Amino acid sequence: MGKFVISYRMLNFASLALAGLLLFTAPVLAILLIVFMIVGAVFMDSDVSLRILEKFGTKPEDSFLKNSVVWITGASSGLGEELAYRLSKISGISLVLSSRKEKELERVAENCKALGCSKVLVLPMDIAEYNMHEKCLQKVVEEFGKVDVLVNNAGVYQQGFVLDCDFPVLKRTIEVDFLGQISLTRLVAKHMKDTNTKGFITFVSSIASLGVPFTATYSAAKAALNCFAYAVANEWLECGIDVQVVRLGPVITQIGENSLMRAENQVGGSSSAHHFNTEYNPMTAKRSIELMAIAMANKLPEAWIANKLCFLCMYAYEYLPTTTRWIFGKPFLQVYKKADEATKK
């Protein structure tokens, strides 16, 4: 007998059955469910659906990702680089690697080939240069004939209280983290529709989309990206294009060091990186990407990936926003005031 595999659709039916059971049983069951969610959030590093699919779902090596053309933006470092390495292990996959840093992309491409991915296209691109997106898409089509998967990972992290920041910095954050994403996505999705490609588009988002002090513009960009993704997911149902949002908590990457700060041409540097990687309880990039690859393989519409207490905060802010802000608003603000002091050193 073949191995029993759970799909996301099966989880949906199970959750509906559970909801129906709760409607007709004692309230104590609902209380037990809430306790389970809280305990699970403290000890798990992903949402329940993703955790189940990690054990019983489709593995990336056995999924639609085999023999697919996958375009990863922001692939020269951090999560994009780690994802390229993870996907390189999948049979027949072709990778398109984009970012502004061509030399770093070449390094990542060589590592991907060493891991078994023979087809890698290095495609330098600034996501905020919207007029270049169509030319870049044409190069991908000329090389591989299609795009099966687009991973919108490119972006910048911005730190600083709003009143302390120059407006051009805030504007740049929105241009990169939101407008650049939807510009490229629109073109790729149109190509998928015109070529009848059963496409898959992933947006790498953040728990900051719930509204986090000290990163207000970054939070706003991610929240806008989430809403855009939810909207087009419904628009593109008849086109056969699946859309996914992956909401990540803090991850150990160069994000703190390379973050935009309060003024133009000012970046976080080592002090910011040290603070981010010690105070925000970040996950490792490797673990985050392993979970993300599983979410992609199973075509989860949305996945939450965060470490311990950050995950609990996600649940609290999502389902009890007013109460959570009332209880934790001032303590959280003190945490970010400490971050502000750290980034000024």
C-alpha atoms as a PDB file:
ATOM      1  CA  MET A   1       0.000   0.000   0.000  1.00  0.00           C
ATOM      2  CA  GLY A   2       1.140   3.535  -0.760  1.00  0.00           C
ATOM      3  CA  LYS A   3       1.914   6.044   1.936  1.00  0.00           C
ATOM      4  CA  PHE A   4      -1.113   7.952   3.236  1.00  0.00           C
ATOM      5  CA  VAL A   5      -0.745  11.644   2.403  1.00  0.00           C
ATOM      6  CA  ILE A   6      -2.872  14.443   3.824  1.00  0.00           C
ATOM      7  CA  SER A   7      -3.813  17.352   1.584  1.00  0.00           C
ATOM      8  CA  TYR A   8      -4.753  20.894   2.513  1.00  0.00           C
ATOM      9  CA  ARG A   9      -8.317  20.261   1.258  1.00  0.00           C
ATOM     10  CA  MET A  10      -8.675  17.383   3.699  1.00  0.00           C
ATOM     11  CA  LEU A  11      -7.574  19.694   6.529  1.00  0.00           C
ATOM     12  CA  ASN A  12     -10.243  22.186   5.453  1.00  0.00           C
ATOM     13  CA  PHE A  13     -12.990  19.556   5.713  1.00  0.00           C
ATOM     14  CA  ALA A  14     -11.675  18.448   9.096  1.00  0.00           C
ATOM     15  CA  SER A  15     -11.684  22.027  10.415  1.00  0.00           C
ATOM     16  CA  LEU A  16     -15.287  22.525   9.235  1.00  0.00           C
ATOM     17  CA  ALA A  17     -16.311  19.344  11.029  1.00  0.00           C
ATOM     18  CA  LEU A  18     -14.550  20.532  14.185  1.00  0.00           C
ATOM     19  CA  ALA A  19     -16.274  23.921  13.977  1.00  0.00           C
ATOM     20  CA  GLY A  20     -19.646  22.189  13.640  1.00  0.00           C
ATOM     21  CA  LEU A  21     -18.880  20.016  16.643  1.00  0.00           C
ATOM     22  CA  LEU A  22     -18.029  23.057  18.748  1.00  0.00           C
ATOM     23  CA  LEU A  23     -21.343  24.724  17.854  1.00  0.00           C
ATOM     24  CA  PHE A  24     -23.301  21.848  19.334  1.00  0.00           C
ATOM     25  CA  THR A  25     -21.178  20.902  22.327  1.00  0.00           C
ATOM     26  CA  ALA A  26     -20.317  22.431  25.679  1.00  0.00           C
ATOM     27  CA  PRO A  27     -18.347  25.709  25.755  1.00  0.00           C
ATOM     28  CA  VAL A  28     -15.613  23.884  27.649  1.00  0.00           C
ATOM     29  CA  LEU A  29     -14.474  22.355  24.353  1.00  0.00           C
ATOM     30  CA  ALA A  30     -13.971  25.815  22.895  1.00  0.00           C
ATOM     31  CA  ILE A  31     -11.935  26.775  25.964  1.00  0.00           C
ATOM     32  CA  LEU A  32      -9.821  23.640  25.557  1.00  0.00           C
ATOM     33  CA  LEU A  33      -9.246  24.535  21.908  1.00  0.00           C
ATOM     34  CA  ILE A  34      -8.031  28.018  22.861  1.00  0.00           C
ATOM     35  CA  VAL A  35      -5.685  26.500  25.455  1.00  0.00           C
ATOM     36  CA  PHE A  36      -4.409  24.102  22.792  1.00  0.00           C
ATOM     37  CA  MET A  37      -3.724  27.004  20.419  1.00  0.00           C
ATOM     38  CA  ILE A  38      -1.826  28.926  23.101  1.00  0.00           C
ATOM     39  CA  VAL A  39       0.223  25.925  24.207  1.00  0.00           C
ATOM     40  CA  GLY A  40       0.870  25.002  20.582  1.00  0.00           C
ATOM     41  CA  ALA A  41       1.936  28.536  19.764  1.00  0.00           C
ATOM     42  CA  VAL A  42       4.493  28.472  22.564  1.00  0.00           C
ATOM     43  CA  PHE A  43       6.020  25.159  21.498  1.00  0.00           C
ATOM     44  CA  MET A  44       5.547  25.146  17.715  1.00  0.00           C
ATOM     45  CA  ASP A  45       7.273  27.157  15.007  1.00  0.00           C
ATOM     46  CA  SER A  46       4.474  27.080  12.423  1.00  0.00           C
ATOM     47  CA  ASP A  47       0.693  27.055  12.256  1.00  0.00           C
ATOM     48  CA  VAL A  48      -1.136  23.795  12.928  1.00  0.00           C
ATOM     49  CA  SER A  49      -1.943  23.069   9.270  1.00  0.00           C
ATOM     50  CA  LEU A  50       1.676  23.438   8.213  1.00  0.00           C
ATOM     51  CA  ARG A  51       2.887  21.328  11.133  1.00  0.00           C
ATOM     52  CA  ILE A  52       0.518  18.511  10.136  1.00  0.00           C
ATOM     53  CA  LEU A  53       1.565  18.752   6.495  1.00  0.00           C
ATOM     54  CA  GLU A  54       5.219  18.629   7.538  1.00  0.00           C
ATOM     55  CA  LYS A  55       4.552  15.164   8.970  1.00  0.00           C
ATOM     56  CA  PHE A  56       1.918  13.807   6.600  1.00  0.00           C
ATOM     57  CA  GLY A  57       1.719  16.090   3.560  1.00  0.00           C
ATOM     58  CA  THR A  58       3.435  16.106   0.172  1.00  0.00           C
ATOM     59  CA  LYS A  59       7.207  16.492   0.320  1.00  0.00           C
ATOM     60  CA  PRO A  60       8.805  19.154  -1.915  1.00  0.00           C
ATOM     61  CA  GLU A  61      10.675  16.432  -3.849  1.00  0.00           C
ATOM     62  CA  ASP A  62       7.350  14.729  -4.726  1.00  0.00           C
ATOM     63  CA  SER A  63       5.361  17.863  -5.544  1.00  0.00           C
ATOM     64  CA  PHE A  64       4.477  19.966  -8.581  1.00  0.00           C
ATOM     65  CA  LEU A  65       7.829  21.718  -8.073  1.00  0.00           C
ATOM     66  CA  LYS A  66       9.562  18.897  -9.944  1.00  0.00           C
ATOM     67  CA  ASN A  67      10.535  20.015 -13.466  1.00  0.00           C
ATOM     68  CA  SER A  68       9.194  23.519 -12.744  1.00  0.00           C
ATOM     69  CA  VAL A  69      10.738  26.885 -13.597  1.00  0.00           C
ATOM     70  CA  VAL A  70      10.980  28.850 -10.344  1.00  0.00           C
ATOM     71  CA  TRP A  71      11.839  32.555 -10.289  1.00  0.00           C
ATOM     72  CA  ILE A  72      13.144  33.802  -6.926  1.00  0.00           C
ATOM     73  CA  THR A  73      13.619  37.514  -6.318  1.00  0.00           C
ATOM     74  CA  GLY A  74      15.996  38.696  -3.600  1.00  0.00           C
ATOM     75  CA  ALA A  75      18.032  35.538  -4.194  1.00  0.00           C
ATOM     76  CA  SER A  76      21.530  36.861  -3.482  1.00  0.00           C
ATOM     77  CA  SER A  77      21.384  36.429   0.300  1.00  0.00           C
ATOM     78  CA  GLY A  78      19.222  35.528   3.267  1.00  0.00           C
ATOM     79  CA  LEU A  79      15.961  33.681   2.726  1.00  0.00           C
ATOM     80  CA  GLY A  80      16.144  33.886  -1.061  1.00  0.00           C
ATOM     81  CA  GLU A  81      19.570  32.279  -1.101  1.00  0.00           C
ATOM     82  CA  GLU A  82      18.521  29.554   1.335  1.00  0.00           C
ATOM     83  CA  LEU A  83      15.379  28.836  -0.697  1.00  0.00           C
ATOM     84  CA  ALA A  84      17.443  28.499  -3.874  1.00  0.00           C
ATOM     85  CA  TYR A  85      19.604  25.879  -2.165  1.00  0.00           C
ATOM     86  CA  ARG A  86      16.590  23.972  -0.844  1.00  0.00           C
ATOM     87  CA  LEU A  87      14.842  23.894  -4.214  1.00  0.00           C
ATOM     88  CA  SER A  88      18.055  22.870  -6.005  1.00  0.00           C
ATOM     89  CA  LYS A  89      17.620  19.414  -4.490  1.00  0.00           C
ATOM     90  CA  ILE A  90      14.335  18.863  -6.373  1.00  0.00           C
ATOM     91  CA  SER A  91      14.558  16.794  -9.546  1.00  0.00           C
ATOM     92  CA  GLY A  92      14.423  18.678 -12.850  1.00  0.00           C
ATOM     93  CA  ILE A  93      13.892  22.115 -11.338  1.00  0.00           C
ATOM     94  CA  SER A  94      15.116  25.237 -13.153  1.00  0.00           C
ATOM     95  CA  LEU A  95      15.929  28.366 -11.160  1.00  0.00           C
ATOM     96  CA  VAL A  96      15.911  32.048 -12.052  1.00  0.00           C
ATOM     97  CA  LEU A  97      17.821  34.092  -9.476  1.00  0.00           C
ATOM     98  CA  SER A  98      17.280  37.844  -9.259  1.00  0.00           C
ATOM     99  CA  SER A  99      18.535  40.705  -7.112  1.00  0.00           C
ATOM    100  CA  ARG A 100      20.622  43.835  -7.586  1.00  0.00           C
ATOM    101  CA  LYS A 101      23.885  42.069  -6.676  1.00  0.00           C
ATOM    102  CA  GLU A 102      25.076  40.191  -9.764  1.00  0.00           C
ATOM    103  CA  LYS A 103      28.324  38.957  -8.217  1.00  0.00           C
ATOM    104  CA  GLU A 104      26.488  37.447  -5.250  1.00  0.00           C
ATOM    105  CA  LEU A 105      23.937  35.875  -7.584  1.00  0.00           C
ATOM    106  CA  GLU A 106      26.754  34.196  -9.483  1.00  0.00           C
ATOM    107  CA  ARG A 107      28.037  32.764  -6.199  1.00  0.00           C
ATOM    108  CA  VAL A 108      24.602  31.437  -5.269  1.00  0.00           C
ATOM    109  CA  ALA A 109      24.150  29.978  -8.774  1.00  0.00           C
ATOM    110  CA  GLU A 110      27.409  28.034  -8.517  1.00  0.00           C
ATOM    111  CA  ASN A 111      26.340  26.633  -5.160  1.00  0.00           C
ATOM    112  CA  CYS A 112      22.973  25.621  -6.633  1.00  0.00           C
ATOM    113  CA  LYS A 113      24.718  23.739  -9.430  1.00  0.00           C
ATOM    114  CA  ALA A 114      26.878  21.959  -6.887  1.00  0.00           C
ATOM    115  CA  LEU A 115      23.682  20.804  -5.167  1.00  0.00           C
ATOM    116  CA  GLY A 116      22.370  19.293  -8.402  1.00  0.00           C
ATOM    117  CA  CYS A 117      20.463  22.084 -10.149  1.00  0.00           C
ATOM    118  CA  SER A 118      21.879  22.177 -13.675  1.00  0.00           C
ATOM    119  CA  LYS A 119      19.620  24.916 -15.042  1.00  0.00           C
ATOM    120  CA  VAL A 120      20.199  28.257 -13.336  1.00  0.00           C
ATOM    121  CA  LEU A 121      19.682  31.692 -14.887  1.00  0.00           C
ATOM    122  CA  VAL A 122      21.282  34.668 -13.164  1.00  0.00           C
ATOM    123  CA  LEU A 123      19.071  37.680 -13.842  1.00  0.00           C
ATOM    124  CA  PRO A 124      20.151  40.922 -12.102  1.00  0.00           C
ATOM    125  CA  MET A 125      17.178  43.170 -11.370  1.00  0.00           C
ATOM    126  CA  ASP A 126      16.183  45.999  -9.068  1.00  0.00           C
ATOM    127  CA  ILE A 127      12.604  45.271  -8.029  1.00  0.00           C
ATOM    128  CA  ALA A 128      11.945  49.017  -7.755  1.00  0.00           C
ATOM    129  CA  GLU A 129      12.916  49.586 -11.419  1.00  0.00           C
ATOM    130  CA  TYR A 130       9.432  48.817 -12.696  1.00  0.00           C
ATOM    131  CA  ASN A 131      10.210  49.584 -16.332  1.00  0.00           C
ATOM    132  CA  MET A 132      12.742  46.718 -16.400  1.00  0.00           C
ATOM    133  CA  HIS A 133      10.339  43.998 -15.281  1.00  0.00           C
ATOM    134  CA  GLU A 134       8.941  43.184 -18.703  1.00  0.00           C
ATOM    135  CA  LYS A 135      12.423  42.840 -20.227  1.00  0.00           C
ATOM    136  CA  CYS A 136      13.448  40.543 -17.396  1.00  0.00           C
ATOM    137  CA  LEU A 137      10.362  38.391 -17.935  1.00  0.00           C
ATOM    138  CA  GLN A 138      11.181  38.149 -21.636  1.00  0.00           C
ATOM    139  CA  LYS A 139      14.680  36.871 -20.784  1.00  0.00           C
ATOM    140  CA  VAL A 140      13.216  34.159 -18.571  1.00  0.00           C
ATOM    141  CA  VAL A 141      10.778  33.098 -21.296  1.00  0.00           C
ATOM    142  CA  GLU A 142      13.550  33.078 -23.895  1.00  0.00           C
ATOM    143  CA  GLU A 143      15.652  30.841 -21.643  1.00  0.00           C
ATOM    144  CA  PHE A 144      13.023  28.427 -20.314  1.00  0.00           C
ATOM    145  CA  GLY A 145       9.846  29.090 -22.308  1.00  0.00           C
ATOM    146  CA  LYS A 146       7.680  29.674 -19.236  1.00  0.00           C
ATOM    147  CA  VAL A 147       7.453  30.612 -15.558  1.00  0.00           C
ATOM    148  CA  ASP A 148       5.735  28.080 -13.298  1.00  0.00           C
ATOM    149  CA  VAL A 149       6.480  29.632  -9.904  1.00  0.00           C
ATOM    150  CA  LEU A 150       7.263  33.193  -8.801  1.00  0.00           C
ATOM    151  CA  VAL A 151       8.595  33.734  -5.282  1.00  0.00           C
ATOM    152  CA  ASN A 152       8.281  37.404  -4.321  1.00  0.00           C
ATOM    153  CA  ASN A 153      11.056  37.528  -1.759  1.00  0.00           C
ATOM    154  CA  ALA A 154      12.876  40.773  -2.649  1.00  0.00           C
ATOM    155  CA  GLY A 155      12.467  43.567  -0.158  1.00  0.00           C
ATOM    156  CA  VAL A 156      14.003  45.911   2.352  1.00  0.00           C
ATOM    157  CA  TYR A 157      13.567  46.194   6.110  1.00  0.00           C
ATOM    158  CA  GLN A 158      13.130  49.680   7.530  1.00  0.00           C
ATOM    159  CA  GLN A 159      13.716  50.688  11.156  1.00  0.00           C
ATOM    160  CA  GLY A 160      12.984  53.924  12.931  1.00  0.00           C
ATOM    161  CA  PHE A 161      10.065  55.757  14.497  1.00  0.00           C
ATOM    162  CA  VAL A 162       8.022  57.499  11.815  1.00  0.00           C
ATOM    163  CA  LEU A 163       8.543  61.025  13.117  1.00  0.00           C
ATOM    164  CA  ASP A 164      12.330  60.510  13.105  1.00  0.00           C
ATOM    165  CA  CYS A 165      12.510  59.249   9.513  1.00  0.00           C
ATOM    166  CA  ASP A 166      13.001  61.222   6.309  1.00  0.00           C
ATOM    167  CA  PHE A 167      10.098  60.786   3.922  1.00  0.00           C
ATOM    168  CA  PRO A 168      12.248  59.474   1.007  1.00  0.00           C
ATOM    169  CA  VAL A 169      13.197  56.500   3.203  1.00  0.00           C
ATOM    170  CA  LEU A 170       9.555  55.692   3.869  1.00  0.00           C
ATOM    171  CA  LYS A 171       8.763  56.115   0.171  1.00  0.00           C
ATOM    172  CA  ARG A 172      11.594  53.784  -0.853  1.00  0.00           C
ATOM    173  CA  THR A 173      10.264  51.097   1.502  1.00  0.00           C
ATOM    174  CA  ILE A 174       6.818  51.198  -0.111  1.00  0.00           C
ATOM    175  CA  GLU A 175       8.312  51.215  -3.613  1.00  0.00           C
ATOM    176  CA  VAL A 176      10.399  48.108  -2.964  1.00  0.00           C
ATOM    177  CA  ASP A 177       8.227  46.102  -0.579  1.00  0.00           C
ATOM    178  CA  PHE A 178       4.860  46.713  -2.238  1.00  0.00           C
ATOM    179  CA  LEU A 179       4.817  48.443  -5.620  1.00  0.00           C
ATOM    180  CA  GLY A 180       7.765  46.472  -6.977  1.00  0.00           C
ATOM    181  CA  GLN A 181       6.151  43.194  -5.960  1.00  0.00           C
ATOM    182  CA  ILE A 182       2.802  43.878  -7.596  1.00  0.00           C
ATOM    183  CA  SER A 183       4.408  45.229 -10.759  1.00  0.00           C
ATOM    184  CA  LEU A 184       6.374  42.035 -11.388  1.00  0.00           C
ATOM    185  CA  THR A 185       3.574  39.770 -10.177  1.00  0.00           C
ATOM    186  CA  ARG A 186       1.062  41.331 -12.538  1.00  0.00           C
ATOM    187  CA  LEU A 187       3.306  40.740 -15.560  1.00  0.00           C
ATOM    188  CA  VAL A 188       4.152  37.165 -14.599  1.00  0.00           C
ATOM    189  CA  ALA A 189       0.523  36.304 -13.836  1.00  0.00           C
ATOM    190  CA  LYS A 190      -0.580  37.729 -17.189  1.00  0.00           C
ATOM    191  CA  HIS A 191       2.026  35.560 -18.922  1.00  0.00           C
ATOM    192  CA  MET A 192       0.780  32.513 -17.001  1.00  0.00           C
ATOM    193  CA  LYS A 193      -2.791  33.241 -18.038  1.00  0.00           C
ATOM    194  CA  ASP A 194      -1.911  33.849 -21.705  1.00  0.00           C
ATOM    195  CA  THR A 195       0.062  30.585 -21.900  1.00  0.00           C
ATOM    196  CA  ASN A 196      -2.456  28.535 -19.866  1.00  0.00           C
ATOM    197  CA  THR A 197       0.219  27.802 -17.280  1.00  0.00           C
ATOM    198  CA  LYS A 198      -1.022  26.417 -13.947  1.00  0.00           C
ATOM    199  CA  GLY A 199       1.080  28.912 -12.067  1.00  0.00           C
ATOM    200  CA  PHE A 200       1.948  29.394  -8.427  1.00  0.00           C
ATOM    201  CA  ILE A 201       2.867  32.737  -6.844  1.00  0.00           C
ATOM    202  CA  THR A 202       4.283  33.117  -3.337  1.00  0.00           C
ATOM    203  CA  PHE A 203       4.496  36.377  -1.410  1.00  0.00           C
ATOM    204  CA  VAL A 204       7.027  36.386   1.423  1.00  0.00           C
ATOM    205  CA  SER A 205       5.356  38.507   4.084  1.00  0.00           C
ATOM    206  CA  SER A 206       5.921  39.163   7.769  1.00  0.00           C
ATOM    207  CA  ILE A 207       4.204  39.188  11.142  1.00  0.00           C
ATOM    208  CA  ALA A 208       4.974  42.909  11.024  1.00  0.00           C
ATOM    209  CA  SER A 209       1.898  43.191   8.789  1.00  0.00           C
ATOM    210  CA  LEU A 210      -0.110  43.150  12.029  1.00  0.00           C
ATOM    211  CA  GLY A 211       1.346  46.576  12.817  1.00  0.00           C
ATOM    212  CA  VAL A 212       4.655  46.730  14.665  1.00  0.00           C
ATOM    213  CA  PRO A 213       6.144  49.903  16.218  1.00  0.00           C
ATOM    214  CA  PHE A 214       9.513  51.083  14.908  1.00  0.00           C
ATOM    215  CA  THR A 215       8.823  49.461  11.504  1.00  0.00           C
ATOM    216  CA  ALA A 216       5.583  51.238  10.600  1.00  0.00           C
ATOM    217  CA  THR A 217       6.238  51.671   6.874  1.00  0.00           C
ATOM    218  CA  TYR A 218       7.597  48.148   6.509  1.00  0.00           C
ATOM    219  CA  SER A 219       4.520  46.893   8.385  1.00  0.00           C
ATOM    220  CA  ALA A 220       2.227  48.898   6.106  1.00  0.00           C
ATOM    221  CA  ALA A 221       3.904  47.567   2.963  1.00  0.00           C
ATOM    222  CA  LYS A 222       3.550  43.964   4.135  1.00  0.00           C
ATOM    223  CA  ALA A 223      -0.079  44.484   5.156  1.00  0.00           C
ATOM    224  CA  ALA A 224      -0.829  45.961   1.728  1.00  0.00           C
ATOM    225  CA  LEU A 225       0.955  43.036   0.089  1.00  0.00           C
ATOM    226  CA  ASN A 226      -1.184  40.588   2.075  1.00  0.00           C
ATOM    227  CA  CYS A 227      -4.407  42.298   0.999  1.00  0.00           C
ATOM    228  CA  PHE A 228      -3.262  42.382  -2.625  1.00  0.00           C
ATOM    229  CA  ALA A 229      -2.477  38.657  -2.478  1.00  0.00           C
ATOM    230  CA  TYR A 230      -5.842  37.778  -0.919  1.00  0.00           C
ATOM    231  CA  ALA A 231      -7.664  39.794  -3.591  1.00  0.00           C
ATOM    232  CA  VAL A 232      -5.862  38.406  -6.629  1.00  0.00           C
ATOM    233  CA  ALA A 233      -6.108  34.862  -5.258  1.00  0.00           C
ATOM    234  CA  ASN A 234      -9.845  35.136  -5.893  1.00  0.00           C
ATOM    235  CA  GLU A 235      -9.445  37.018  -9.165  1.00  0.00           C
ATOM    236  CA  TRP A 236      -7.188  34.340 -10.615  1.00  0.00           C
ATOM    237  CA  LEU A 237      -9.138  31.248  -9.554  1.00  0.00           C
ATOM    238  CA  GLU A 238     -10.444  30.694 -13.085  1.00  0.00           C
ATOM    239  CA  CYS A 239      -6.944  31.230 -14.520  1.00  0.00           C
ATOM    240  CA  GLY A 240      -5.561  28.275 -12.581  1.00  0.00           C
ATOM    241  CA  ILE A 241      -3.048  30.471 -10.727  1.00  0.00           C
ATOM    242  CA  ASP A 242      -2.591  29.651  -7.047  1.00  0.00           C
ATOM    243  CA  VAL A 243      -1.500  32.435  -4.684  1.00  0.00           C
ATOM    244  CA  GLN A 244       0.208  31.990  -1.338  1.00  0.00           C
ATOM    245  CA  VAL A 245       1.159  34.289   1.544  1.00  0.00           C
ATOM    246  CA  VAL A 246       3.949  33.183   3.895  1.00  0.00           C
ATOM    247  CA  ARG A 247       4.015  35.288   7.054  1.00  0.00           C
ATOM    248  CA  LEU A 248       7.369  35.005   8.776  1.00  0.00           C
ATOM    249  CA  GLY A 249       8.562  36.042  12.188  1.00  0.00           C
ATOM    250  CA  PRO A 250      12.149  37.202  12.809  1.00  0.00           C
ATOM    251  CA  VAL A 251      14.751  35.122  10.954  1.00  0.00           C
ATOM    252  CA  ILE A 252      18.537  35.160  11.299  1.00  0.00           C
ATOM    253  CA  THR A 253      19.702  36.854   8.092  1.00  0.00           C
ATOM    254  CA  GLN A 254      21.476  40.081   7.119  1.00  0.00           C
ATOM    255  CA  ILE A 255      18.152  41.941   7.330  1.00  0.00           C
ATOM    256  CA  GLY A 256      19.106  43.974  10.411  1.00  0.00           C
ATOM    257  CA  GLU A 257      22.512  44.932   9.081  1.00  0.00           C
ATOM    258  CA  ASN A 258      21.169  45.973   5.666  1.00  0.00           C
ATOM    259  CA  SER A 259      17.985  47.651   6.889  1.00  0.00           C
ATOM    260  CA  LEU A 260      17.061  51.184   5.884  1.00  0.00           C
ATOM    261  CA  MET A 261      17.146  53.584   8.799  1.00  0.00           C
ATOM    262  CA  ARG A 262      16.071  57.198   9.289  1.00  0.00           C
ATOM    263  CA  ALA A 263      17.893  59.002   6.480  1.00  0.00           C
ATOM    264  CA  GLU A 264      18.819  58.202   2.905  1.00  0.00           C
ATOM    265  CA  ASN A 265      21.971  56.102   2.439  1.00  0.00           C
ATOM    266  CA  GLN A 266      21.902  55.113   6.130  1.00  0.00           C
ATOM    267  CA  VAL A 267      21.812  51.371   6.878  1.00  0.00           C
ATOM    268  CA  GLY A 268      21.518  49.405  10.090  1.00  0.00           C
ATOM    269  CA  GLY A 269      25.064  48.128  10.403  1.00  0.00           C
ATOM    270  CA  SER A 270      26.487  45.712  12.953  1.00  0.00           C
ATOM    271  CA  SER A 271      24.746  47.201  16.017  1.00  0.00           C
ATOM    272  CA  SER A 272      21.351  46.800  14.417  1.00  0.00           C
ATOM    273  CA  ALA A 273      22.177  43.272  13.260  1.00  0.00           C
ATOM    274  CA  HIS A 274      23.345  42.248  16.730  1.00  0.00           C
ATOM    275  CA  HIS A 275      20.218  43.657  18.353  1.00  0.00           C
ATOM    276  CA  PHE A 276      17.912  41.976  15.827  1.00  0.00           C
ATOM    277  CA  ASN A 277      19.581  38.579  16.164  1.00  0.00           C
ATOM    278  CA  THR A 278      19.675  38.577  19.962  1.00  0.00           C
ATOM    279  CA  GLU A 279      16.535  40.405  21.108  1.00  0.00           C
ATOM    280  CA  TYR A 280      13.886  39.298  18.588  1.00  0.00           C
ATOM    281  CA  ASN A 281      14.205  35.520  19.141  1.00  0.00           C
ATOM    282  CA  PRO A 282      14.783  34.798  15.425  1.00  0.00           C
ATOM    283  CA  MET A 283      14.530  31.400  13.747  1.00  0.00           C
ATOM    284  CA  THR A 284      17.302  30.031  11.573  1.00  0.00           C
ATOM    285  CA  ALA A 285      16.934  30.671   7.854  1.00  0.00           C
ATOM    286  CA  LYS A 286      17.342  26.956   7.130  1.00  0.00           C
ATOM    287  CA  ARG A 287      14.406  25.932   9.338  1.00  0.00           C
ATOM    288  CA  SER A 288      12.202  28.762   8.049  1.00  0.00           C
ATOM    289  CA  ILE A 289      12.878  27.792   4.451  1.00  0.00           C
ATOM    290  CA  GLU A 290      12.280  24.081   5.075  1.00  0.00           C
ATOM    291  CA  LEU A 291       8.808  24.958   6.375  1.00  0.00           C
ATOM    292  CA  MET A 292       8.253  27.391   3.517  1.00  0.00           C
ATOM    293  CA  ALA A 293       9.181  24.716   0.944  1.00  0.00           C
ATOM    294  CA  ILE A 294       6.628  22.364   2.525  1.00  0.00           C
ATOM    295  CA  ALA A 295       3.986  25.115   2.416  1.00  0.00           C
ATOM    296  CA  MET A 296       4.756  25.639  -1.275  1.00  0.00           C
ATOM    297  CA  ALA A 297       4.709  21.928  -2.079  1.00  0.00           C
ATOM    298  CA  ASN A 298       1.247  21.585  -0.516  1.00  0.00           C
ATOM    299  CA  LYS A 299      -0.022  24.868  -2.000  1.00  0.00           C
ATOM    300  CA  LEU A 300      -1.100  26.286   1.351  1.00  0.00           C
ATOM    301  CA  PRO A 301      -2.918  29.595   0.707  1.00  0.00           C
ATOM    302  CA  GLU A 302      -1.327  31.015   3.854  1.00  0.00           C
ATOM    303  CA  ALA A 303       1.394  29.840   6.209  1.00  0.00           C
ATOM    304  CA  TRP A 304       2.606  31.260   9.521  1.00  0.00           C
ATOM    305  CA  ILE A 305       6.214  30.585  10.463  1.00  0.00           C
ATOM    306  CA  ALA A 306       7.657  32.065  13.643  1.00  0.00           C
ATOM    307  CA  ASN A 307       9.487  31.020  16.770  1.00  0.00           C
ATOM    308  CA  LYS A 308       7.707  30.392  20.076  1.00  0.00           C
ATOM    309  CA  LEU A 309       6.471  33.623  21.709  1.00  0.00           C
ATOM    310  CA  CYS A 310       6.476  35.499  18.403  1.00  0.00           C
ATOM    311  CA  PHE A 311       3.993  32.919  17.196  1.00  0.00           C
ATOM    312  CA  LEU A 312       1.796  33.470  20.243  1.00  0.00           C
ATOM    313  CA  CYS A 313       1.825  37.204  19.504  1.00  0.00           C
ATOM    314  CA  MET A 314       0.631  36.466  15.975  1.00  0.00           C
ATOM    315  CA  TYR A 315      -2.394  34.575  17.294  1.00  0.00           C
ATOM    316  CA  ALA A 316      -3.145  37.252  19.888  1.00  0.00           C
ATOM    317  CA  TYR A 317      -2.912  40.196  17.487  1.00  0.00           C
ATOM    318  CA  GLU A 318      -4.863  38.356  14.781  1.00  0.00           C
ATOM    319  CA  TYR A 319      -7.804  37.208  16.897  1.00  0.00           C
ATOM    320  CA  LEU A 320      -7.826  39.622  19.876  1.00  0.00           C
ATOM    321  CA  PRO A 321      -6.341  42.830  18.416  1.00  0.00           C
ATOM    322  CA  THR A 322      -7.952  45.397  20.710  1.00  0.00           C
ATOM    323  CA  THR A 323      -7.294  43.473  23.919  1.00  0.00           C
ATOM    324  CA  THR A 324      -3.745  42.639  22.887  1.00  0.00           C
ATOM    325  CA  ARG A 325      -2.886  46.257  22.089  1.00  0.00           C
ATOM    326  CA  TRP A 326      -4.419  47.376  25.373  1.00  0.00           C
ATOM    327  CA  ILE A 327      -2.415  44.851  27.432  1.00  0.00           C
ATOM    328  CA  PHE A 328       0.862  44.789  25.532  1.00  0.00           C
ATOM    329  CA  GLY A 329       0.972  48.189  23.815  1.00  0.00           C
ATOM    330  CA  LYS A 330       3.196  50.001  26.318  1.00  0.00           C
ATOM    331  CA  PRO A 331       5.500  47.028  27.089  1.00  0.00           C
ATOM    332  CA  PHE A 332       6.038  46.503  23.350  1.00  0.00           C
ATOM    333  CA  LEU A 333       6.809  50.185  22.905  1.00  0.00           C
ATOM    334  CA  GLN A 334       9.553  49.953  25.527  1.00  0.00           C
ATOM    335  CA  VAL A 335      11.085  47.026  23.615  1.00  0.00           C
ATOM    336  CA  TYR A 336      11.249  49.096  20.452  1.00  0.00           C
ATOM    337  CA  LYS A 337      12.599  52.139  22.263  1.00  0.00           C
ATOM    338  CA  LYS A 338      15.449  49.871  23.292  1.00  0.00           C
ATOM    339  CA  ALA A 339      15.842  48.873  19.642  1.00  0.00           C
ATOM    340  CA  ASP A 340      15.922  52.547  18.666  1.00  0.00           C
ATOM    341  CA  GLU A 341      18.756  53.185  21.101  1.00  0.00           C
ATOM    342  CA  ALA A 342      20.660  50.131  19.842  1.00  0.00           C
ATOM    343  CA  THR A 343      20.477  51.227  16.197  1.00  0.00           C
ATOM    344  CA  LYS A 344      21.819  54.706  17.035  1.00  0.00           C
ATOM    345  CA  LYS A 345      25.065  53.336  18.457  1.00  0.00           C
END
